[in-house]
Amino acid sequence: MEYNELLDIYRNQIDTLDKEIIYLLGRRFKIVNEIGKLKKENNIEAFQKDRWEQLMKENLEMAQECEVSQELVKEIWDMIHEKSLEIEI
């Protein structure tokens, strides 16, 4: 297989994965919205420190297992968490 053909195959795979990531983020934020409503109805703070710490621990462990930079995963999840809190409030 030629360089350009192989490159196109890899790029198509990346494009598909990127679309899946965006789709999953959309689903995640819809659920976050529902959680926010539930927390408001029950007078519960949006930020749940224990839940956040457990989530980060598990995600960083998974990053290590998958040979993904833990620093990158932490940065990404910090951004996702920040946006989630904005949605919940």
PDB file of N, CA and C in Angstrom:
ATOM      1  N   MET A   1       0.847  -1.178   0.000  1.00  0.00           N
ATOM      2  CA  MET A   1       0.000   0.000   0.000  1.00  0.00           C
ATOM      3  C   MET A   1       0.897   1.247   0.000  1.00  0.00           C
ATOM      4  N   GLU A   2       0.492   2.222  -0.762  1.00  0.00           N
ATOM      5  CA  GLU A   2       1.282   3.439  -0.877  1.00  0.00           C
ATOM      6  C   GLU A   2       1.104   4.346   0.344  1.00  0.00           C
ATOM      7  N   TYR A   3       2.082   5.209   0.503  1.00  0.00           N
ATOM      8  CA  TYR A   3       2.104   6.159   1.622  1.00  0.00           C
ATOM      9  C   TYR A   3       0.792   6.936   1.722  1.00  0.00           C
ATOM     10  N   ASN A   4       0.348   7.540   0.628  1.00  0.00           N
ATOM     11  CA  ASN A   4      -0.853   8.382   0.660  1.00  0.00           C
ATOM     12  C   ASN A   4      -2.106   7.586   0.992  1.00  0.00           C
ATOM     13  N   GLU A   5      -2.190   6.372   0.484  1.00  0.00           N
ATOM     14  CA  GLU A   5      -3.341   5.524   0.790  1.00  0.00           C
ATOM     15  C   GLU A   5      -3.373   5.168   2.270  1.00  0.00           C
ATOM     16  N   LEU A   6      -2.237   4.794   2.788  1.00  0.00           N
ATOM     17  CA  LEU A   6      -2.142   4.434   4.196  1.00  0.00           C
ATOM     18  C   LEU A   6      -2.420   5.645   5.082  1.00  0.00           C
ATOM     19  N   LEU A   7      -1.888   6.783   4.707  1.00  0.00           N
ATOM     20  CA  LEU A   7      -2.123   8.021   5.448  1.00  0.00           C
ATOM     21  C   LEU A   7      -3.611   8.355   5.470  1.00  0.00           C
ATOM     22  N   ASP A   8      -4.282   8.199   4.328  1.00  0.00           N
ATOM     23  CA  ASP A   8      -5.723   8.454   4.262  1.00  0.00           C
ATOM     24  C   ASP A   8      -6.503   7.517   5.171  1.00  0.00           C
ATOM     25  N   ILE A   9      -6.109   6.265   5.224  1.00  0.00           N
ATOM     26  CA  ILE A   9      -6.770   5.293   6.100  1.00  0.00           C
ATOM     27  C   ILE A   9      -6.637   5.726   7.555  1.00  0.00           C
ATOM     28  N   TYR A  10      -5.422   6.080   7.954  1.00  0.00           N
ATOM     29  CA  TYR A  10      -5.198   6.519   9.335  1.00  0.00           C
ATOM     30  C   TYR A  10      -5.962   7.800   9.646  1.00  0.00           C
ATOM     31  N   ARG A  11      -5.948   8.729   8.714  1.00  0.00           N
ATOM     32  CA  ARG A  11      -6.658   9.991   8.950  1.00  0.00           C
ATOM     33  C   ARG A  11      -8.159   9.776   9.056  1.00  0.00           C
ATOM     34  N   ASN A  12      -8.698   8.877   8.246  1.00  0.00           N
ATOM     35  CA  ASN A  12     -10.126   8.561   8.336  1.00  0.00           C
ATOM     36  C   ASN A  12     -10.464   7.949   9.693  1.00  0.00           C
ATOM     37  N   GLN A  13      -9.579   7.109  10.194  1.00  0.00           N
ATOM     38  CA  GLN A  13      -9.793   6.523  11.520  1.00  0.00           C
ATOM     39  C   GLN A  13      -9.791   7.604  12.594  1.00  0.00           C
ATOM     40  N   ILE A  14      -8.861   8.543  12.492  1.00  0.00           N
ATOM     41  CA  ILE A  14      -8.797   9.645  13.454  1.00  0.00           C
ATOM     42  C   ILE A  14     -10.049  10.501  13.358  1.00  0.00           C
ATOM     43  N   ASP A  15     -10.487  10.799  12.136  1.00  0.00           N
ATOM     44  CA  ASP A  15     -11.703  11.609  11.955  1.00  0.00           C
ATOM     45  C   ASP A  15     -12.906  10.937  12.596  1.00  0.00           C
ATOM     46  N   THR A  16     -13.007   9.626  12.426  1.00  0.00           N
ATOM     47  CA  THR A  16     -14.108   8.876  13.030  1.00  0.00           C
ATOM     48  C   THR A  16     -14.037   8.939  14.550  1.00  0.00           C
ATOM     49  N   LEU A  17     -12.854   8.745  15.100  1.00  0.00           N
ATOM     50  CA  LEU A  17     -12.684   8.815  16.548  1.00  0.00           C
ATOM     51  C   LEU A  17     -12.993  10.208  17.083  1.00  0.00           C
ATOM     52  N   ASP A  18     -12.568  11.246  16.366  1.00  0.00           N
ATOM     53  CA  ASP A  18     -12.866  12.615  16.793  1.00  0.00           C
ATOM     54  C   ASP A  18     -14.372  12.855  16.868  1.00  0.00           C
ATOM     55  N   LYS A  19     -15.100  12.372  15.870  1.00  0.00           N
ATOM     56  CA  LYS A  19     -16.561  12.519  15.865  1.00  0.00           C
ATOM     57  C   LYS A  19     -17.180  11.760  17.049  1.00  0.00           C
ATOM     58  N   GLU A  20     -16.659  10.581  17.344  1.00  0.00           N
ATOM     59  CA  GLU A  20     -17.151   9.805  18.478  1.00  0.00           C
ATOM     60  C   GLU A  20     -16.901  10.535  19.793  1.00  0.00           C
ATOM     61  N   ILE A  21     -15.727  11.145  19.924  1.00  0.00           N
ATOM     62  CA  ILE A  21     -15.405  11.900  21.141  1.00  0.00           C
ATOM     63  C   ILE A  21     -16.398  13.044  21.320  1.00  0.00           C
ATOM     64  N   ILE A  22     -16.668  13.777  20.250  1.00  0.00           N
ATOM     65  CA  ILE A  22     -17.610  14.900  20.333  1.00  0.00           C
ATOM     66  C   ILE A  22     -19.008  14.398  20.663  1.00  0.00           C
ATOM     67  N   TYR A  23     -19.432  13.313  20.031  1.00  0.00           N
ATOM     68  CA  TYR A  23     -20.741  12.726  20.314  1.00  0.00           C
ATOM     69  C   TYR A  23     -20.838  12.324  21.785  1.00  0.00           C
ATOM     70  N   LEU A  24     -19.804  11.668  22.296  1.00  0.00           N
ATOM     71  CA  LEU A  24     -19.807  11.231  23.694  1.00  0.00           C
ATOM     72  C   LEU A  24     -19.805  12.413  24.654  1.00  0.00           C
ATOM     73  N   LEU A  25     -19.080  13.466  24.320  1.00  0.00           N
ATOM     74  CA  LEU A  25     -19.116  14.668  25.160  1.00  0.00           C
ATOM     75  C   LEU A  25     -20.524  15.250  25.195  1.00  0.00           C
ATOM     76  N   GLY A  26     -21.175  15.276  24.057  1.00  0.00           N
ATOM     77  CA  GLY A  26     -22.558  15.764  24.016  1.00  0.00           C
ATOM     78  C   GLY A  26     -23.469  14.941  24.900  1.00  0.00           C
ATOM     79  N   ARG A  27     -23.353  13.633  24.824  1.00  0.00           N
ATOM     80  CA  ARG A  27     -24.155  12.750  25.694  1.00  0.00           C
ATOM     81  C   ARG A  27     -23.835  12.992  27.153  1.00  0.00           C
ATOM     82  N   ARG A  28     -22.540  13.136  27.454  1.00  0.00           N
ATOM     83  CA  ARG A  28     -22.108  13.349  28.840  1.00  0.00           C
ATOM     84  C   ARG A  28     -22.719  14.629  29.395  1.00  0.00           C
ATOM     85  N   PHE A  29     -22.674  15.721  28.607  1.00  0.00           N
ATOM     86  CA  PHE A  29     -23.184  16.994  29.095  1.00  0.00           C
ATOM     87  C   PHE A  29     -24.703  16.988  29.234  1.00  0.00           C
ATOM     88  N   LYS A  30     -25.413  16.206  28.434  1.00  0.00           N
ATOM     89  CA  LYS A  30     -26.860  16.058  28.620  1.00  0.00           C
ATOM     90  C   LYS A  30     -27.150  15.393  29.963  1.00  0.00           C
ATOM     91  N   ILE A  31     -26.372  14.383  30.301  1.00  0.00           N
ATOM     92  CA  ILE A  31     -26.541  13.709  31.593  1.00  0.00           C
ATOM     93  C   ILE A  31     -26.173  14.652  32.730  1.00  0.00           C
ATOM     94  N   VAL A  32     -25.092  15.422  32.546  1.00  0.00           N
ATOM     95  CA  VAL A  32     -24.685  16.402  33.555  1.00  0.00           C
ATOM     96  C   VAL A  32     -25.818  17.390  33.802  1.00  0.00           C
ATOM     97  N   ASN A  33     -26.495  17.805  32.749  1.00  0.00           N
ATOM     98  CA  ASN A  33     -27.622  18.716  32.886  1.00  0.00           C
ATOM     99  C   ASN A  33     -28.714  18.111  33.768  1.00  0.00           C
ATOM    100  N   GLU A  34     -29.002  16.837  33.561  1.00  0.00           N
ATOM    101  CA  GLU A  34     -30.016  16.154  34.379  1.00  0.00           C
ATOM    102  C   GLU A  34     -29.555  16.041  35.834  1.00  0.00           C
ATOM    103  N   ILE A  35     -28.271  15.745  36.022  1.00  0.00           N
ATOM    104  CA  ILE A  35     -27.726  15.675  37.382  1.00  0.00           C
ATOM    105  C   ILE A  35     -27.852  17.029  38.061  1.00  0.00           C
ATOM    106  N   GLY A  36     -27.565  18.101  37.315  1.00  0.00           N
ATOM    107  CA  GLY A  36     -27.688  19.447  37.862  1.00  0.00           C
ATOM    108  C   GLY A  36     -29.095  19.741  38.333  1.00  0.00           C
ATOM    109  N   LYS A  37     -30.076  19.359  37.534  1.00  0.00           N
ATOM    110  CA  LYS A  37     -31.481  19.555  37.935  1.00  0.00           C
ATOM    111  C   LYS A  37     -31.786  18.788  39.215  1.00  0.00           C
ATOM    112  N   LEU A  38     -31.343  17.548  39.270  1.00  0.00           N
ATOM    113  CA  LEU A  38     -31.588  16.699  40.427  1.00  0.00           C
ATOM    114  C   LEU A  38     -30.937  17.286  41.684  1.00  0.00           C
ATOM    115  N   LYS A  39     -29.708  17.759  41.546  1.00  0.00           N
ATOM    116  CA  LYS A  39     -29.013  18.348  42.690  1.00  0.00           C
ATOM    117  C   LYS A  39     -29.730  19.609  43.169  1.00  0.00           C
ATOM    118  N   LYS A  40     -30.182  20.456  42.225  1.00  0.00           N
ATOM    119  CA  LYS A  40     -30.899  21.675  42.598  1.00  0.00           C
ATOM    120  C   LYS A  40     -32.185  21.347  43.351  1.00  0.00           C
ATOM    121  N   GLU A  41     -32.917  20.367  42.851  1.00  0.00           N
ATOM    122  CA  GLU A  41     -34.176  19.964  43.485  1.00  0.00           C
ATOM    123  C   GLU A  41     -33.959  19.467  44.911  1.00  0.00           C
ATOM    124  N   ASN A  42     -32.779  18.927  45.165  1.00  0.00           N
ATOM    125  CA  ASN A  42     -32.482  18.348  46.473  1.00  0.00           C
ATOM    126  C   ASN A  42     -31.489  19.175  47.275  1.00  0.00           C
ATOM    127  N   ASN A  43     -31.270  20.423  46.846  1.00  0.00           N
ATOM    128  CA  ASN A  43     -30.365  21.346  47.546  1.00  0.00           C
ATOM    129  C   ASN A  43     -28.993  20.734  47.820  1.00  0.00           C
ATOM    130  N   ILE A  44     -28.412  20.155  46.795  1.00  0.00           N
ATOM    131  CA  ILE A  44     -27.091  19.547  46.915  1.00  0.00           C
ATOM    132  C   ILE A  44     -26.108  20.389  46.103  1.00  0.00           C
ATOM    133  N   GLU A  45     -24.941  20.616  46.680  1.00  0.00           N
ATOM    134  CA  GLU A  45     -23.903  21.390  45.992  1.00  0.00           C
ATOM    135  C   GLU A  45     -23.507  20.714  44.677  1.00  0.00           C
ATOM    136  N   ALA A  46     -23.209  21.530  43.669  1.00  0.00           N
ATOM    137  CA  ALA A  46     -22.794  20.989  42.373  1.00  0.00           C
ATOM    138  C   ALA A  46     -21.470  20.235  42.506  1.00  0.00           C
ATOM    139  N   PHE A  47     -20.526  20.821  43.243  1.00  0.00           N
ATOM    140  CA  PHE A  47     -19.213  20.196  43.374  1.00  0.00           C
ATOM    141  C   PHE A  47     -19.233  19.169  44.497  1.00  0.00           C
ATOM    142  N   GLN A  48     -18.913  17.943  44.155  1.00  0.00           N
ATOM    143  CA  GLN A  48     -18.840  16.841  45.108  1.00  0.00           C
ATOM    144  C   GLN A  48     -17.388  16.368  45.146  1.00  0.00           C
ATOM    145  N   LYS A  49     -16.648  16.869  46.139  1.00  0.00           N
ATOM    146  CA  LYS A  49     -15.200  16.644  46.210  1.00  0.00           C
ATOM    147  C   LYS A  49     -14.835  15.164  46.192  1.00  0.00           C
ATOM    148  N   ASP A  50     -15.494  14.339  46.978  1.00  0.00           N
ATOM    149  CA  ASP A  50     -15.167  12.906  47.033  1.00  0.00           C
ATOM    150  C   ASP A  50     -15.366  12.241  45.666  1.00  0.00           C
ATOM    151  N   ARG A  51     -16.460  12.564  45.012  1.00  0.00           N
ATOM    152  CA  ARG A  51     -16.752  12.008  43.686  1.00  0.00           C
ATOM    153  C   ARG A  51     -15.668  12.434  42.687  1.00  0.00           C
ATOM    154  N   TRP A  52     -15.300  13.714  42.739  1.00  0.00           N
ATOM    155  CA  TRP A  52     -14.285  14.235  41.828  1.00  0.00           C
ATOM    156  C   TRP A  52     -12.946  13.538  42.047  1.00  0.00           C
ATOM    157  N   GLU A  53     -12.541  13.391  43.275  1.00  0.00           N
ATOM    158  CA  GLU A  53     -11.257  12.758  43.572  1.00  0.00           C
ATOM    159  C   GLU A  53     -11.246  11.302  43.128  1.00  0.00           C
ATOM    160  N   GLN A  54     -12.341  10.596  43.337  1.00  0.00           N
ATOM    161  CA  GLN A  54     -12.424   9.197  42.915  1.00  0.00           C
ATOM    162  C   GLN A  54     -12.379   9.085  41.395  1.00  0.00           C
ATOM    163  N   LEU A  55     -13.108   9.960  40.715  1.00  0.00           N
ATOM    164  CA  LEU A  55     -13.123   9.966  39.260  1.00  0.00           C
ATOM    165  C   LEU A  55     -11.721  10.218  38.702  1.00  0.00           C
ATOM    166  N   MET A  56     -11.029  11.207  39.248  1.00  0.00           N
ATOM    167  CA  MET A  56      -9.681  11.519  38.768  1.00  0.00           C
ATOM    168  C   MET A  56      -8.729  10.349  39.023  1.00  0.00           C
ATOM    169  N   LYS A  57      -8.836   9.750  40.183  1.00  0.00           N
ATOM    170  CA  LYS A  57      -7.982   8.608  40.510  1.00  0.00           C
ATOM    171  C   LYS A  57      -8.171   7.497  39.477  1.00  0.00           C
ATOM    172  N   GLU A  58      -9.422   7.157  39.206  1.00  0.00           N
ATOM    173  CA  GLU A  58      -9.719   6.092  38.250  1.00  0.00           C
ATOM    174  C   GLU A  58      -9.261   6.464  36.837  1.00  0.00           C
ATOM    175  N   ASN A  59      -9.487   7.699  36.441  1.00  0.00           N
ATOM    176  CA  ASN A  59      -9.089   8.115  35.093  1.00  0.00           C
ATOM    177  C   ASN A  59      -7.576   8.140  34.922  1.00  0.00           C
ATOM    178  N   LEU A  60      -6.866   8.553  35.956  1.00  0.00           N
ATOM    179  CA  LEU A  60      -5.405   8.574  35.865  1.00  0.00           C
ATOM    180  C   LEU A  60      -4.832   7.160  35.851  1.00  0.00           C
ATOM    181  N   GLU A  61      -5.466   6.254  36.591  1.00  0.00           N
ATOM    182  CA  GLU A  61      -5.044   4.854  36.551  1.00  0.00           C
ATOM    183  C   GLU A  61      -5.272   4.268  35.153  1.00  0.00           C
ATOM    184  N   MET A  62      -6.425   4.583  34.578  1.00  0.00           N
ATOM    185  CA  MET A  62      -6.729   4.081  33.237  1.00  0.00           C
ATOM    186  C   MET A  62      -5.768   4.676  32.217  1.00  0.00           C
ATOM    187  N   ALA A  63      -5.453   5.952  32.370  1.00  0.00           N
ATOM    188  CA  ALA A  63      -4.495   6.592  31.466  1.00  0.00           C
ATOM    189  C   ALA A  63      -3.166   5.852  31.497  1.00  0.00           C
ATOM    190  N   GLN A  64      -2.714   5.533  32.695  1.00  0.00           N
ATOM    191  CA  GLN A  64      -1.447   4.819  32.833  1.00  0.00           C
ATOM    192  C   GLN A  64      -1.525   3.448  32.156  1.00  0.00           C
ATOM    193  N   GLU A  65      -2.621   2.731  32.382  1.00  0.00           N
ATOM    194  CA  GLU A  65      -2.796   1.413  31.768  1.00  0.00           C
ATOM    195  C   GLU A  65      -2.816   1.498  30.247  1.00  0.00           C
ATOM    196  N   CYS A  66      -3.381   2.577  29.713  1.00  0.00           N
ATOM    197  CA  CYS A  66      -3.504   2.744  28.265  1.00  0.00           C
ATOM    198  C   CYS A  66      -2.322   3.485  27.652  1.00  0.00           C
ATOM    199  N   GLU A  67      -1.333   3.771  28.482  1.00  0.00           N
ATOM    200  CA  GLU A  67      -0.134   4.482  28.042  1.00  0.00           C
ATOM    201  C   GLU A  67      -0.462   5.841  27.434  1.00  0.00           C
ATOM    202  N   VAL A  68      -1.359   6.544  28.115  1.00  0.00           N
ATOM    203  CA  VAL A  68      -1.728   7.912  27.755  1.00  0.00           C
ATOM    204  C   VAL A  68      -1.186   8.814  28.851  1.00  0.00           C
ATOM    205  N   SER A  69      -0.696   9.960  28.473  1.00  0.00           N
ATOM    206  CA  SER A  69      -0.140  10.900  29.438  1.00  0.00           C
ATOM    207  C   SER A  69      -1.154  11.227  30.535  1.00  0.00           C
ATOM    208  N   GLN A  70      -0.754  10.977  31.775  1.00  0.00           N
ATOM    209  CA  GLN A  70      -1.631  11.303  32.893  1.00  0.00           C
ATOM    210  C   GLN A  70      -1.843  12.813  32.987  1.00  0.00           C
ATOM    211  N   GLU A  71      -0.812  13.560  32.653  1.00  0.00           N
ATOM    212  CA  GLU A  71      -0.937  15.020  32.668  1.00  0.00           C
ATOM    213  C   GLU A  71      -1.994  15.477  31.664  1.00  0.00           C
ATOM    214  N   LEU A  72      -1.994  14.885  30.483  1.00  0.00           N
ATOM    215  CA  LEU A  72      -2.976  15.224  29.464  1.00  0.00           C
ATOM    216  C   LEU A  72      -4.381  14.879  29.936  1.00  0.00           C
ATOM    217  N   VAL A  73      -4.547  13.684  30.484  1.00  0.00           N
ATOM    218  CA  VAL A  73      -5.861  13.261  30.970  1.00  0.00           C
ATOM    219  C   VAL A  73      -6.339  14.190  32.074  1.00  0.00           C
ATOM    220  N   LYS A  74      -5.448  14.575  32.970  1.00  0.00           N
ATOM    221  CA  LYS A  74      -5.828  15.498  34.044  1.00  0.00           C
ATOM    222  C   LYS A  74      -6.280  16.835  33.471  1.00  0.00           C
ATOM    223  N   GLU A  75      -5.541  17.355  32.495  1.00  0.00           N
ATOM    224  CA  GLU A  75      -5.924  18.633  31.872  1.00  0.00           C
ATOM    225  C   GLU A  75      -7.289  18.528  31.197  1.00  0.00           C
ATOM    226  N   ILE A  76      -7.501  17.458  30.459  1.00  0.00           N
ATOM    227  CA  ILE A  76      -8.769  17.276  29.752  1.00  0.00           C
ATOM    228  C   ILE A  76      -9.907  17.167  30.749  1.00  0.00           C
ATOM    229  N   TRP A  77      -9.722  16.342  31.791  1.00  0.00           N
ATOM    230  CA  TRP A  77     -10.806  16.152  32.753  1.00  0.00           C
ATOM    231  C   TRP A  77     -11.048  17.394  33.603  1.00  0.00           C
ATOM    232  N   ASP A  78     -10.029  18.168  33.842  1.00  0.00           N
ATOM    233  CA  ASP A  78     -10.235  19.446  34.533  1.00  0.00           C
ATOM    234  C   ASP A  78     -11.149  20.340  33.699  1.00  0.00           C
ATOM    235  N   MET A  79     -10.922  20.389  32.384  1.00  0.00           N
ATOM    236  CA  MET A  79     -11.763  21.202  31.507  1.00  0.00           C
ATOM    237  C   MET A  79     -13.189  20.660  31.442  1.00  0.00           C
ATOM    238  N   ILE A  80     -13.316  19.343  31.328  1.00  0.00           N
ATOM    239  CA  ILE A  80     -14.641  18.730  31.276  1.00  0.00           C
ATOM    240  C   ILE A  80     -15.382  18.989  32.583  1.00  0.00           C
ATOM    241  N   HIS A  81     -14.674  18.864  33.690  1.00  0.00           N
ATOM    242  CA  HIS A  81     -15.289  19.075  35.004  1.00  0.00           C
ATOM    243  C   HIS A  81     -15.721  20.528  35.179  1.00  0.00           C
ATOM    244  N   GLU A  82     -14.882  21.442  34.740  1.00  0.00           N
ATOM    245  CA  GLU A  82     -15.219  22.867  34.839  1.00  0.00           C
ATOM    246  C   GLU A  82     -16.493  23.169  34.053  1.00  0.00           C
ATOM    247  N   LYS A  83     -16.577  22.646  32.846  1.00  0.00           N
ATOM    248  CA  LYS A  83     -17.770  22.850  32.019  1.00  0.00           C
ATOM    249  C   LYS A  83     -18.979  22.171  32.650  1.00  0.00           C
ATOM    250  N   SER A  84     -18.774  20.996  33.223  1.00  0.00           N
ATOM    251  CA  SER A  84     -19.874  20.272  33.876  1.00  0.00           C
ATOM    252  C   SER A  84     -20.431  21.075  35.044  1.00  0.00           C
ATOM    253  N   LEU A  85     -19.548  21.672  35.824  1.00  0.00           N
ATOM    254  CA  LEU A  85     -20.009  22.498  36.946  1.00  0.00           C
ATOM    255  C   LEU A  85     -20.791  23.710  36.448  1.00  0.00           C
ATOM    256  N   GLU A  86     -20.350  24.305  35.343  1.00  0.00           N
ATOM    257  CA  GLU A  86     -21.088  25.430  34.769  1.00  0.00           C
ATOM    258  C   GLU A  86     -22.501  24.989  34.376  1.00  0.00           C
ATOM    259  N   ILE A  87     -22.611  23.803  33.822  1.00  0.00           N
ATOM    260  CA  ILE A  87     -23.919  23.281  33.406  1.00  0.00           C
ATOM    261  C   ILE A  87     -24.789  22.987  34.619  1.00  0.00           C
ATOM    262  N   GLU A  88     -24.203  22.414  35.652  1.00  0.00           N
ATOM    263  CA  GLU A  88     -24.960  22.024  36.845  1.00  0.00           C
ATOM    264  C   GLU A  88     -25.470  23.234  37.636  1.00  0.00           C
ATOM    265  N   ILE A  89     -24.725  24.329  37.579  1.00  0.00           N
ATOM    266  CA  ILE A  89     -25.103  25.499  38.388  1.00  0.00           C
ATOM    267  C   ILE A  89     -26.138  26.282  37.704  1.00  0.00           C
TER     268      ILE A  89
END
